[in-house]
Amino acid sequence: MDGEKLTYQEIAARLKVSVRTVRRRLAAGLIPARTCGRRVLFDFDAVWAALPDARAAQATSRFRRLAQGAPAPIPMVEHLKQVAQNWHVVPDELAAARLRKEQER
């Protein structure tokens, strides 16, 4: 940490996020900070370097989701084919009502 030391409020203002967000990222270990007594001080350059790139963050969250066993997204055509296989299982209410009326005659 070579640069200017900033407080929670100052680093939040520079990053254009809330103080709560800064506290959460610090607690998660995503950004570095130093303590001086009870005060927590941040070096803006170190914090900025520690923040993930937006595209990299999206990619890692997607791969993390896949690694945890979440199903991979399938193309819409395949999804509709899978759903169409079970359409005959759901009874058509109008057809059932017509059948009942015909049976009553």
PDB file of N, CA and C in Angstrom:
ATOM      1  N   MET A   1       0.846  -1.177   0.000  1.00  0.00           N
ATOM      2  CA  MET A   1       0.000   0.000   0.000  1.00  0.00           C
ATOM      3  C   MET A   1       0.888   1.236   0.000  1.00  0.00           C
ATOM      4  N   ASP A   2       0.936   1.875  -1.115  1.00  0.00           N
ATOM      5  CA  ASP A   2       1.800   3.046  -1.219  1.00  0.00           C
ATOM      6  C   ASP A   2       1.022   4.346  -1.257  1.00  0.00           C
ATOM      7  N   GLY A   3      -0.220   4.291  -1.691  1.00  0.00           N
ATOM      8  CA  GLY A   3      -0.969   5.520  -1.928  1.00  0.00           C
ATOM      9  C   GLY A   3      -1.651   6.064  -0.698  1.00  0.00           C
ATOM     10  N   GLU A   4      -2.592   6.913  -0.980  1.00  0.00           N
ATOM     11  CA  GLU A   4      -3.369   7.596   0.042  1.00  0.00           C
ATOM     12  C   GLU A   4      -4.274   6.603   0.770  1.00  0.00           C
ATOM     13  N   LYS A   5      -4.411   6.768   2.061  1.00  0.00           N
ATOM     14  CA  LYS A   5      -5.245   5.891   2.878  1.00  0.00           C
ATOM     15  C   LYS A   5      -6.646   6.484   2.967  1.00  0.00           C
ATOM     16  N   LEU A   6      -7.655   5.630   2.738  1.00  0.00           N
ATOM     17  CA  LEU A   6      -9.041   6.094   2.712  1.00  0.00           C
ATOM     18  C   LEU A   6      -9.879   5.346   3.743  1.00  0.00           C
ATOM     19  N   THR A   7     -10.930   5.992   4.220  1.00  0.00           N
ATOM     20  CA  THR A   7     -11.859   5.373   5.166  1.00  0.00           C
ATOM     21  C   THR A   7     -12.967   4.655   4.392  1.00  0.00           C
ATOM     22  N   TYR A   8     -13.866   4.009   5.131  1.00  0.00           N
ATOM     23  CA  TYR A   8     -14.996   3.322   4.501  1.00  0.00           C
ATOM     24  C   TYR A   8     -15.800   4.271   3.608  1.00  0.00           C
ATOM     25  N   GLN A   9     -16.132   5.445   4.148  1.00  0.00           N
ATOM     26  CA  GLN A   9     -16.955   6.388   3.409  1.00  0.00           C
ATOM     27  C   GLN A   9     -16.231   6.890   2.153  1.00  0.00           C
ATOM     28  N   GLU A  10     -14.945   7.154   2.267  1.00  0.00           N
ATOM     29  CA  GLU A  10     -14.191   7.670   1.127  1.00  0.00           C
ATOM     30  C   GLU A  10     -14.027   6.618   0.031  1.00  0.00           C
ATOM     31  N   ILE A  11     -13.732   5.389   0.418  1.00  0.00           N
ATOM     32  CA  ILE A  11     -13.558   4.342  -0.593  1.00  0.00           C
ATOM     33  C   ILE A  11     -14.905   4.025  -1.255  1.00  0.00           C
ATOM     34  N   ALA A  12     -15.990   4.050  -0.477  1.00  0.00           N
ATOM     35  CA  ALA A  12     -17.321   3.815  -1.041  1.00  0.00           C
ATOM     36  C   ALA A  12     -17.684   4.909  -2.040  1.00  0.00           C
ATOM     37  N   ALA A  13     -17.362   6.155  -1.712  1.00  0.00           N
ATOM     38  CA  ALA A  13     -17.652   7.260  -2.626  1.00  0.00           C
ATOM     39  C   ALA A  13     -16.842   7.130  -3.918  1.00  0.00           C
ATOM     40  N   ARG A  14     -15.590   6.738  -3.812  1.00  0.00           N
ATOM     41  CA  ARG A  14     -14.755   6.598  -5.015  1.00  0.00           C
ATOM     42  C   ARG A  14     -15.203   5.444  -5.889  1.00  0.00           C
ATOM     43  N   LEU A  15     -15.662   4.361  -5.269  1.00  0.00           N
ATOM     44  CA  LEU A  15     -16.124   3.208  -6.031  1.00  0.00           C
ATOM     45  C   LEU A  15     -17.582   3.334  -6.458  1.00  0.00           C
ATOM     46  N   LYS A  16     -18.264   4.359  -5.933  1.00  0.00           N
ATOM     47  CA  LYS A  16     -19.684   4.604  -6.216  1.00  0.00           C
ATOM     48  C   LYS A  16     -20.555   3.420  -5.789  1.00  0.00           C
ATOM     49  N   VAL A  17     -20.287   2.931  -4.581  1.00  0.00           N
ATOM     50  CA  VAL A  17     -21.089   1.877  -3.964  1.00  0.00           C
ATOM     51  C   VAL A  17     -21.394   2.321  -2.540  1.00  0.00           C
ATOM     52  N   SER A  18     -22.206   1.555  -1.843  1.00  0.00           N
ATOM     53  CA  SER A  18     -22.525   1.913  -0.459  1.00  0.00           C
ATOM     54  C   SER A  18     -21.420   1.431   0.484  1.00  0.00           C
ATOM     55  N   VAL A  19     -21.424   1.996   1.663  1.00  0.00           N
ATOM     56  CA  VAL A  19     -20.473   1.576   2.701  1.00  0.00           C
ATOM     57  C   VAL A  19     -20.742   0.116   3.057  1.00  0.00           C
ATOM     58  N   ARG A  20     -22.002  -0.265   3.037  1.00  0.00           N
ATOM     59  CA  ARG A  20     -22.368  -1.647   3.348  1.00  0.00           C
ATOM     60  C   ARG A  20     -21.731  -2.624   2.347  1.00  0.00           C
ATOM     61  N   THR A  21     -21.703  -2.239   1.075  1.00  0.00           N
ATOM     62  CA  THR A  21     -21.074  -3.080   0.056  1.00  0.00           C
ATOM     63  C   THR A  21     -19.585  -3.217   0.325  1.00  0.00           C
ATOM     64  N   VAL A  22     -18.942  -2.123   0.703  1.00  0.00           N
ATOM     65  CA  VAL A  22     -17.511  -2.166   1.017  1.00  0.00           C
ATOM     66  C   VAL A  22     -17.271  -3.090   2.204  1.00  0.00           C
ATOM     67  N   ARG A  23     -18.114  -2.986   3.229  1.00  0.00           N
ATOM     68  CA  ARG A  23     -17.966  -3.850   4.406  1.00  0.00           C
ATOM     69  C   ARG A  23     -18.159  -5.325   4.045  1.00  0.00           C
ATOM     70  N   ARG A  24     -19.144  -5.618   3.179  1.00  0.00           N
ATOM     71  CA  ARG A  24     -19.374  -7.003   2.772  1.00  0.00           C
ATOM     72  C   ARG A  24     -18.201  -7.555   1.975  1.00  0.00           C
ATOM     73  N   ARG A  25     -17.667  -6.758   1.068  1.00  0.00           N
ATOM     74  CA  ARG A  25     -16.530  -7.218   0.264  1.00  0.00           C
ATOM     75  C   ARG A  25     -15.292  -7.415   1.134  1.00  0.00           C
ATOM     76  N   LEU A  26     -15.109  -6.560   2.117  1.00  0.00           N
ATOM     77  CA  LEU A  26     -13.986  -6.711   3.033  1.00  0.00           C
ATOM     78  C   LEU A  26     -14.147  -7.991   3.861  1.00  0.00           C
ATOM     79  N   ALA A  27     -15.367  -8.226   4.360  1.00  0.00           N
ATOM     80  CA  ALA A  27     -15.619  -9.424   5.160  1.00  0.00           C
ATOM     81  C   ALA A  27     -15.436 -10.699   4.339  1.00  0.00           C
ATOM     82  N   ALA A  28     -15.755 -10.624   3.040  1.00  0.00           N
ATOM     83  CA  ALA A  28     -15.598 -11.782   2.162  1.00  0.00           C
ATOM     84  C   ALA A  28     -14.154 -11.978   1.723  1.00  0.00           C
ATOM     85  N   GLY A  29     -13.293 -11.014   2.041  1.00  0.00           N
ATOM     86  CA  GLY A  29     -11.887 -11.110   1.663  1.00  0.00           C
ATOM     87  C   GLY A  29     -11.618 -10.733   0.216  1.00  0.00           C
ATOM     88  N   LEU A  30     -12.537  -9.985  -0.387  1.00  0.00           N
ATOM     89  CA  LEU A  30     -12.378  -9.609  -1.791  1.00  0.00           C
ATOM     90  C   LEU A  30     -11.541  -8.353  -1.985  1.00  0.00           C
ATOM     91  N   ILE A  31     -11.454  -7.533  -0.940  1.00  0.00           N
ATOM     92  CA  ILE A  31     -10.643  -6.312  -1.046  1.00  0.00           C
ATOM     93  C   ILE A  31      -9.705  -6.223   0.157  1.00  0.00           C
ATOM     94  N   PRO A  32      -8.514  -5.661  -0.051  1.00  0.00           N
ATOM     95  CA  PRO A  32      -7.552  -5.554   1.055  1.00  0.00           C
ATOM     96  C   PRO A  32      -7.769  -4.288   1.884  1.00  0.00           C
ATOM     97  N   ALA A  33      -7.395  -4.358   3.125  1.00  0.00           N
ATOM     98  CA  ALA A  33      -7.465  -3.201   4.027  1.00  0.00           C
ATOM     99  C   ALA A  33      -6.441  -3.394   5.139  1.00  0.00           C
ATOM    100  N   ARG A  34      -6.137  -2.296   5.815  1.00  0.00           N
ATOM    101  CA  ARG A  34      -5.239  -2.314   6.981  1.00  0.00           C
ATOM    102  C   ARG A  34      -5.968  -1.688   8.152  1.00  0.00           C
ATOM    103  N   THR A  35      -5.607  -2.118   9.329  1.00  0.00           N
ATOM    104  CA  THR A  35      -6.183  -1.502  10.514  1.00  0.00           C
ATOM    105  C   THR A  35      -5.130  -0.674  11.224  1.00  0.00           C
ATOM    106  N   CYS A  36      -5.609   0.407  11.788  1.00  0.00           N
ATOM    107  CA  CYS A  36      -4.757   1.263  12.605  1.00  0.00           C
ATOM    108  C   CYS A  36      -5.571   1.538  13.863  1.00  0.00           C
ATOM    109  N   GLY A  37      -5.333   0.736  14.889  1.00  0.00           N
ATOM    110  CA  GLY A  37      -6.183   0.814  16.070  1.00  0.00           C
ATOM    111  C   GLY A  37      -7.541   0.244  15.720  1.00  0.00           C
ATOM    112  N   ARG A  38      -8.576   1.055  15.880  1.00  0.00           N
ATOM    113  CA  ARG A  38      -9.927   0.623  15.534  1.00  0.00           C
ATOM    114  C   ARG A  38     -10.311   1.050  14.126  1.00  0.00           C
ATOM    115  N   ARG A  39      -9.495   1.861  13.499  1.00  0.00           N
ATOM    116  CA  ARG A  39      -9.815   2.365  12.158  1.00  0.00           C
ATOM    117  C   ARG A  39      -9.376   1.381  11.093  1.00  0.00           C
ATOM    118  N   VAL A  40     -10.196   1.255  10.080  1.00  0.00           N
ATOM    119  CA  VAL A  40      -9.871   0.442   8.911  1.00  0.00           C
ATOM    120  C   VAL A  40      -9.544   1.401   7.782  1.00  0.00           C
ATOM    121  N   LEU A  41      -8.369   1.212   7.182  1.00  0.00           N
ATOM    122  CA  LEU A  41      -7.926   2.101   6.110  1.00  0.00           C
ATOM    123  C   LEU A  41      -7.702   1.308   4.827  1.00  0.00           C
ATOM    124  N   PHE A  42      -8.059   1.926   3.714  1.00  0.00           N
ATOM    125  CA  PHE A  42      -7.957   1.288   2.406  1.00  0.00           C
ATOM    126  C   PHE A  42      -6.995   2.063   1.528  1.00  0.00           C
ATOM    127  N   ASP A  43      -6.283   1.342   0.680  1.00  0.00           N
ATOM    128  CA  ASP A  43      -5.469   1.951  -0.362  1.00  0.00           C
ATOM    129  C   ASP A  43      -6.260   1.765  -1.661  1.00  0.00           C
ATOM    130  N   PHE A  44      -6.651   2.863  -2.315  1.00  0.00           N
ATOM    131  CA  PHE A  44      -7.525   2.787  -3.472  1.00  0.00           C
ATOM    132  C   PHE A  44      -6.929   1.931  -4.587  1.00  0.00           C
ATOM    133  N   ASP A  45      -5.644   2.096  -4.870  1.00  0.00           N
ATOM    134  CA  ASP A  45      -5.017   1.336  -5.948  1.00  0.00           C
ATOM    135  C   ASP A  45      -5.072  -0.172  -5.675  1.00  0.00           C
ATOM    136  N   ALA A  46      -4.840  -0.564  -4.422  1.00  0.00           N
ATOM    137  CA  ALA A  46      -4.875  -1.985  -4.068  1.00  0.00           C
ATOM    138  C   ALA A  46      -6.296  -2.532  -4.145  1.00  0.00           C
ATOM    139  N   VAL A  47      -7.257  -1.714  -3.712  1.00  0.00           N
ATOM    140  CA  VAL A  47      -8.652  -2.144  -3.770  1.00  0.00           C
ATOM    141  C   VAL A  47      -9.084  -2.280  -5.221  1.00  0.00           C
ATOM    142  N   TRP A  48      -8.739  -1.299  -6.038  1.00  0.00           N
ATOM    143  CA  TRP A  48      -9.126  -1.326  -7.454  1.00  0.00           C
ATOM    144  C   TRP A  48      -8.519  -2.535  -8.162  1.00  0.00           C
ATOM    145  N   ALA A  49      -7.276  -2.853  -7.845  1.00  0.00           N
ATOM    146  CA  ALA A  49      -6.609  -4.001  -8.463  1.00  0.00           C
ATOM    147  C   ALA A  49      -7.241  -5.319  -8.007  1.00  0.00           C
ATOM    148  N   ALA A  50      -7.798  -5.349  -6.801  1.00  0.00           N
ATOM    149  CA  ALA A  50      -8.374  -6.578  -6.267  1.00  0.00           C
ATOM    150  C   ALA A  50      -9.780  -6.844  -6.787  1.00  0.00           C
ATOM    151  N   LEU A  51     -10.461  -5.814  -7.299  1.00  0.00           N
ATOM    152  CA  LEU A  51     -11.823  -6.017  -7.789  1.00  0.00           C
ATOM    153  C   LEU A  51     -11.801  -6.837  -9.071  1.00  0.00           C
ATOM    154  N   PRO A  52     -12.726  -7.790  -9.209  1.00  0.00           N
ATOM    155  CA  PRO A  52     -12.738  -8.630 -10.407  1.00  0.00           C
ATOM    156  C   PRO A  52     -13.287  -7.871 -11.612  1.00  0.00           C
ATOM    157  N   ASP A  53     -12.831  -8.272 -12.784  1.00  0.00           N
ATOM    158  CA  ASP A  53     -13.360  -7.736 -14.018  1.00  0.00           C
ATOM    159  C   ASP A  53     -14.785  -8.258 -14.168  1.00  0.00           C
ATOM    160  N   ALA A  54     -15.693  -7.453 -14.699  1.00  0.00           N
ATOM    161  CA  ALA A  54     -17.104  -7.847 -14.789  1.00  0.00           C
ATOM    162  C   ALA A  54     -17.292  -9.105 -15.615  1.00  0.00           C
ATOM    163  N   ARG A  55     -16.624  -9.189 -16.757  1.00  0.00           N
ATOM    164  CA  ARG A  55     -16.783 -10.371 -17.601  1.00  0.00           C
ATOM    165  C   ARG A  55     -16.206 -11.610 -16.923  1.00  0.00           C
ATOM    166  N   ALA A  56     -15.095 -11.453 -16.237  1.00  0.00           N
ATOM    167  CA  ALA A  56     -14.491 -12.588 -15.537  1.00  0.00           C
ATOM    168  C   ALA A  56     -15.394 -13.048 -14.392  1.00  0.00           C
ATOM    169  N   ALA A  57     -16.029 -12.094 -13.712  1.00  0.00           N
ATOM    170  CA  ALA A  57     -16.922 -12.454 -12.610  1.00  0.00           C
ATOM    171  C   ALA A  57     -18.125 -13.224 -13.124  1.00  0.00           C
ATOM    172  N   GLN A  58     -18.677 -12.818 -14.271  1.00  0.00           N
ATOM    173  CA  GLN A  58     -19.807 -13.545 -14.848  1.00  0.00           C
ATOM    174  C   GLN A  58     -19.391 -14.944 -15.252  1.00  0.00           C
ATOM    175  N   ALA A  59     -18.224 -15.059 -15.861  1.00  0.00           N
ATOM    176  CA  ALA A  59     -17.758 -16.368 -16.316  1.00  0.00           C
ATOM    177  C   ALA A  59     -17.522 -17.298 -15.134  1.00  0.00           C
ATOM    178  N   THR A  60     -16.888 -16.786 -14.078  1.00  0.00           N
ATOM    179  CA  THR A  60     -16.613 -17.656 -12.936  1.00  0.00           C
ATOM    180  C   THR A  60     -17.894 -18.059 -12.235  1.00  0.00           C
ATOM    181  N   SER A  61     -18.881 -17.158 -12.129  1.00  0.00           N
ATOM    182  CA  SER A  61     -20.133 -17.540 -11.474  1.00  0.00           C
ATOM    183  C   SER A  61     -20.868 -18.571 -12.317  1.00  0.00           C
ATOM    184  N   ARG A  62     -20.791 -18.462 -13.657  1.00  0.00           N
ATOM    185  CA  ARG A  62     -21.437 -19.439 -14.526  1.00  0.00           C
ATOM    186  C   ARG A  62     -20.779 -20.803 -14.367  1.00  0.00           C
ATOM    187  N   PHE A  63     -19.447 -20.833 -14.363  1.00  0.00           N
ATOM    188  CA  PHE A  63     -18.749 -22.099 -14.229  1.00  0.00           C
ATOM    189  C   PHE A  63     -18.933 -22.682 -12.834  1.00  0.00           C
ATOM    190  N   ARG A  64     -19.018 -21.816 -11.821  1.00  0.00           N
ATOM    191  CA  ARG A  64     -19.248 -22.299 -10.461  1.00  0.00           C
ATOM    192  C   ARG A  64     -20.616 -22.969 -10.389  1.00  0.00           C
ATOM    193  N   ARG A  65     -21.624 -22.356 -11.037  1.00  0.00           N
ATOM    194  CA  ARG A  65     -22.957 -22.918 -11.058  1.00  0.00           C
ATOM    195  C   ARG A  65     -22.945 -24.285 -11.738  1.00  0.00           C
ATOM    196  N   LEU A  66     -22.225 -24.411 -12.844  1.00  0.00           N
ATOM    197  CA  LEU A  66     -22.148 -25.677 -13.553  1.00  0.00           C
ATOM    198  C   LEU A  66     -21.401 -26.725 -12.725  1.00  0.00           C
ATOM    199  N   ALA A  67     -20.359 -26.283 -12.019  1.00  0.00           N
ATOM    200  CA  ALA A  67     -19.574 -27.215 -11.216  1.00  0.00           C
ATOM    201  C   ALA A  67     -20.366 -27.730 -10.014  1.00  0.00           C
ATOM    202  N   GLN A  68     -21.298 -26.931  -9.520  1.00  0.00           N
ATOM    203  CA  GLN A  68     -22.087 -27.342  -8.363  1.00  0.00           C
ATOM    204  C   GLN A  68     -23.225 -28.271  -8.739  1.00  0.00           C
ATOM    205  N   GLY A  69     -23.333 -28.605 -10.007  1.00  0.00           N
ATOM    206  CA  GLY A  69     -24.351 -29.559 -10.415  1.00  0.00           C
ATOM    207  C   GLY A  69     -25.617 -28.937 -10.956  1.00  0.00           C
ATOM    208  N   ALA A  70     -25.656 -27.644 -11.127  1.00  0.00           N
ATOM    209  CA  ALA A  70     -26.828 -27.027 -11.726  1.00  0.00           C
ATOM    210  C   ALA A  70     -26.901 -27.446 -13.188  1.00  0.00           C
ATOM    211  N   PRO A  71     -28.091 -27.705 -13.677  1.00  0.00           N
ATOM    212  CA  PRO A  71     -28.183 -28.154 -15.063  1.00  0.00           C
ATOM    213  C   PRO A  71     -27.744 -27.069 -16.035  1.00  0.00           C
ATOM    214  N   ALA A  72     -27.069 -27.496 -17.080  1.00  0.00           N
ATOM    215  CA  ALA A  72     -26.640 -26.556 -18.102  1.00  0.00           C
ATOM    216  C   ALA A  72     -27.860 -26.111 -18.894  1.00  0.00           C
ATOM    217  N   PRO A  73     -27.899 -24.860 -19.305  1.00  0.00           N
ATOM    218  CA  PRO A  73     -29.040 -24.405 -20.082  1.00  0.00           C
ATOM    219  C   PRO A  73     -29.106 -25.167 -21.415  1.00  0.00           C
ATOM    220  N   ILE A  74     -30.328 -25.535 -21.804  1.00  0.00           N
ATOM    221  CA  ILE A  74     -30.487 -26.254 -23.060  1.00  0.00           C
ATOM    222  C   ILE A  74     -31.184 -25.345 -24.062  1.00  0.00           C
ATOM    223  N   PRO A  75     -31.001 -25.581 -25.347  1.00  0.00           N
ATOM    224  CA  PRO A  75     -31.676 -24.751 -26.349  1.00  0.00           C
ATOM    225  C   PRO A  75     -33.196 -24.859 -26.218  1.00  0.00           C
ATOM    226  N   MET A  76     -33.899 -23.810 -26.590  1.00  0.00           N
ATOM    227  CA  MET A  76     -35.349 -23.757 -26.440  1.00  0.00           C
ATOM    228  C   MET A  76     -36.038 -24.877 -27.223  1.00  0.00           C
ATOM    229  N   VAL A  77     -35.532 -25.196 -28.399  1.00  0.00           N
ATOM    230  CA  VAL A  77     -36.145 -26.252 -29.211  1.00  0.00           C
ATOM    231  C   VAL A  77     -36.106 -27.583 -28.467  1.00  0.00           C
ATOM    232  N   GLU A  78     -34.968 -27.894 -27.856  1.00  0.00           N
ATOM    233  CA  GLU A  78     -34.857 -29.142 -27.085  1.00  0.00           C
ATOM    234  C   GLU A  78     -35.807 -29.131 -25.890  1.00  0.00           C
ATOM    235  N   HIS A  79     -35.917 -27.993 -25.233  1.00  0.00           N
ATOM    236  CA  HIS A  79     -36.817 -27.869 -24.089  1.00  0.00           C
ATOM    237  C   HIS A  79     -38.257 -28.122 -24.523  1.00  0.00           C
ATOM    238  N   LEU A  80     -38.668 -27.531 -25.648  1.00  0.00           N
ATOM    239  CA  LEU A  80     -40.036 -27.720 -26.121  1.00  0.00           C
ATOM    240  C   LEU A  80     -40.295 -29.170 -26.520  1.00  0.00           C
ATOM    241  N   LYS A  81     -39.290 -29.826 -27.083  1.00  0.00           N
ATOM    242  CA  LYS A  81     -39.453 -31.238 -27.423  1.00  0.00           C
ATOM    243  C   LYS A  81     -39.681 -32.068 -26.163  1.00  0.00           C
ATOM    244  N   GLN A  82     -38.933 -31.766 -25.092  1.00  0.00           N
ATOM    245  CA  GLN A  82     -39.091 -32.504 -23.842  1.00  0.00           C
ATOM    246  C   GLN A  82     -40.467 -32.262 -23.232  1.00  0.00           C
ATOM    247  N   VAL A  83     -40.937 -31.026 -23.293  1.00  0.00           N
ATOM    248  CA  VAL A  83     -42.246 -30.689 -22.730  1.00  0.00           C
ATOM    249  C   VAL A  83     -43.345 -31.338 -23.561  1.00  0.00           C
ATOM    250  N   ALA A  84     -43.185 -31.335 -24.886  1.00  0.00           N
ATOM    251  CA  ALA A  84     -44.215 -31.887 -25.769  1.00  0.00           C
ATOM    252  C   ALA A  84     -44.412 -33.380 -25.549  1.00  0.00           C
ATOM    253  N   GLN A  85     -43.404 -34.072 -25.079  1.00  0.00           N
ATOM    254  CA  GLN A  85     -43.545 -35.508 -24.824  1.00  0.00           C
ATOM    255  C   GLN A  85     -44.590 -35.788 -23.754  1.00  0.00           C
ATOM    256  N   ASN A  86     -44.820 -34.840 -22.852  1.00  0.00           N
ATOM    257  CA  ASN A  86     -45.752 -35.042 -21.749  1.00  0.00           C
ATOM    258  C   ASN A  86     -47.082 -34.320 -21.940  1.00  0.00           C
ATOM    259  N   TRP A  87     -47.321 -33.731 -23.106  1.00  0.00           N
ATOM    260  CA  TRP A  87     -48.575 -32.999 -23.308  1.00  0.00           C
ATOM    261  C   TRP A  87     -49.792 -33.914 -23.225  1.00  0.00           C
ATOM    262  N   HIS A  88     -49.672 -35.142 -23.643  1.00  0.00           N
ATOM    263  CA  HIS A  88     -50.808 -36.047 -23.615  1.00  0.00           C
ATOM    264  C   HIS A  88     -51.205 -36.426 -22.181  1.00  0.00           C
ATOM    265  N   VAL A  89     -50.320 -36.222 -21.237  1.00  0.00           N
ATOM    266  CA  VAL A  89     -50.583 -36.594 -19.852  1.00  0.00           C
ATOM    267  C   VAL A  89     -51.570 -35.635 -19.207  1.00  0.00           C
ATOM    268  N   VAL A  90     -51.508 -34.372 -19.574  1.00  0.00           N
ATOM    269  CA  VAL A  90     -52.381 -33.360 -18.984  1.00  0.00           C
ATOM    270  C   VAL A  90     -53.726 -33.409 -19.711  1.00  0.00           C
ATOM    271  N   PRO A  91     -54.804 -33.688 -19.015  1.00  0.00           N
ATOM    272  CA  PRO A  91     -56.095 -33.803 -19.691  1.00  0.00           C
ATOM    273  C   PRO A  91     -56.594 -32.441 -20.168  1.00  0.00           C
ATOM    274  N   ASP A  92     -57.241 -32.475 -21.317  1.00  0.00           N
ATOM    275  CA  ASP A  92     -57.848 -31.265 -21.849  1.00  0.00           C
ATOM    276  C   ASP A  92     -59.198 -31.103 -21.160  1.00  0.00           C
ATOM    277  N   GLU A  93     -59.376 -30.040 -20.414  1.00  0.00           N
ATOM    278  CA  GLU A  93     -60.584 -29.881 -19.614  1.00  0.00           C
ATOM    279  C   GLU A  93     -61.832 -29.754 -20.469  1.00  0.00           C
ATOM    280  N   LEU A  94     -61.733 -29.056 -21.596  1.00  0.00           N
ATOM    281  CA  LEU A  94     -62.895 -28.923 -22.459  1.00  0.00           C
ATOM    282  C   LEU A  94     -63.287 -30.271 -23.068  1.00  0.00           C
ATOM    283  N   ALA A  95     -62.270 -31.036 -23.484  1.00  0.00           N
ATOM    284  CA  ALA A  95     -62.561 -32.359 -24.047  1.00  0.00           C
ATOM    285  C   ALA A  95     -63.191 -33.262 -22.992  1.00  0.00           C
ATOM    286  N   ALA A  96     -62.739 -33.173 -21.770  1.00  0.00           N
ATOM    287  CA  ALA A  96     -63.311 -33.982 -20.690  1.00  0.00           C
ATOM    288  C   ALA A  96     -64.757 -33.578 -20.430  1.00  0.00           C
ATOM    289  N   ALA A  97     -65.044 -32.290 -20.468  1.00  0.00           N
ATOM    290  CA  ALA A  97     -66.422 -31.818 -20.261  1.00  0.00           C
ATOM    291  C   ALA A  97     -67.320 -32.294 -21.394  1.00  0.00           C
ATOM    292  N   ARG A  98     -66.839 -32.233 -22.634  1.00  0.00           N
ATOM    293  CA  ARG A  98     -67.630 -32.715 -23.775  1.00  0.00           C
ATOM    294  C   ARG A  98     -67.914 -34.210 -23.642  1.00  0.00           C
ATOM    295  N   LEU A  99     -66.906 -34.963 -23.235  1.00  0.00           N
ATOM    296  CA  LEU A  99     -67.070 -36.406 -23.078  1.00  0.00           C
ATOM    297  C   LEU A  99     -68.119 -36.724 -22.014  1.00  0.00           C
ATOM    298  N   ARG A 100     -68.121 -35.979 -20.908  1.00  0.00           N
ATOM    299  CA  ARG A 100     -69.110 -36.175 -19.850  1.00  0.00           C
ATOM    300  C   ARG A 100     -70.515 -35.886 -20.351  1.00  0.00           C
ATOM    301  N   LYS A 101     -70.641 -34.794 -21.130  1.00  0.00           N
ATOM    302  CA  LYS A 101     -71.972 -34.440 -21.662  1.00  0.00           C
ATOM    303  C   LYS A 101     -72.463 -35.514 -22.618  1.00  0.00           C
ATOM    304  N   GLU A 102     -71.570 -36.043 -23.449  1.00  0.00           N
ATOM    305  CA  GLU A 102     -71.970 -37.090 -24.399  1.00  0.00           C
ATOM    306  C   GLU A 102     -72.381 -38.358 -23.650  1.00  0.00           C
ATOM    307  N   GLN A 103     -71.698 -38.665 -22.562  1.00  0.00           N
ATOM    308  CA  GLN A 103     -72.011 -39.857 -21.804  1.00  0.00           C
ATOM    309  C   GLN A 103     -73.339 -39.710 -21.067  1.00  0.00           C
ATOM    310  N   GLU A 104     -73.717 -38.486 -20.688  1.00  0.00           N
ATOM    311  CA  GLU A 104     -74.972 -38.238 -19.992  1.00  0.00           C
ATOM    312  C   GLU A 104     -76.154 -38.401 -20.926  1.00  0.00           C
ATOM    313  N   ARG A 105     -76.011 -38.192 -22.231  1.00  0.00           N
ATOM    314  CA  ARG A 105     -77.109 -38.294 -23.195  1.00  0.00           C
ATOM    315  C   ARG A 105     -77.549 -39.659 -23.366  1.00  0.00           C
TER     316      ARG A 105
END
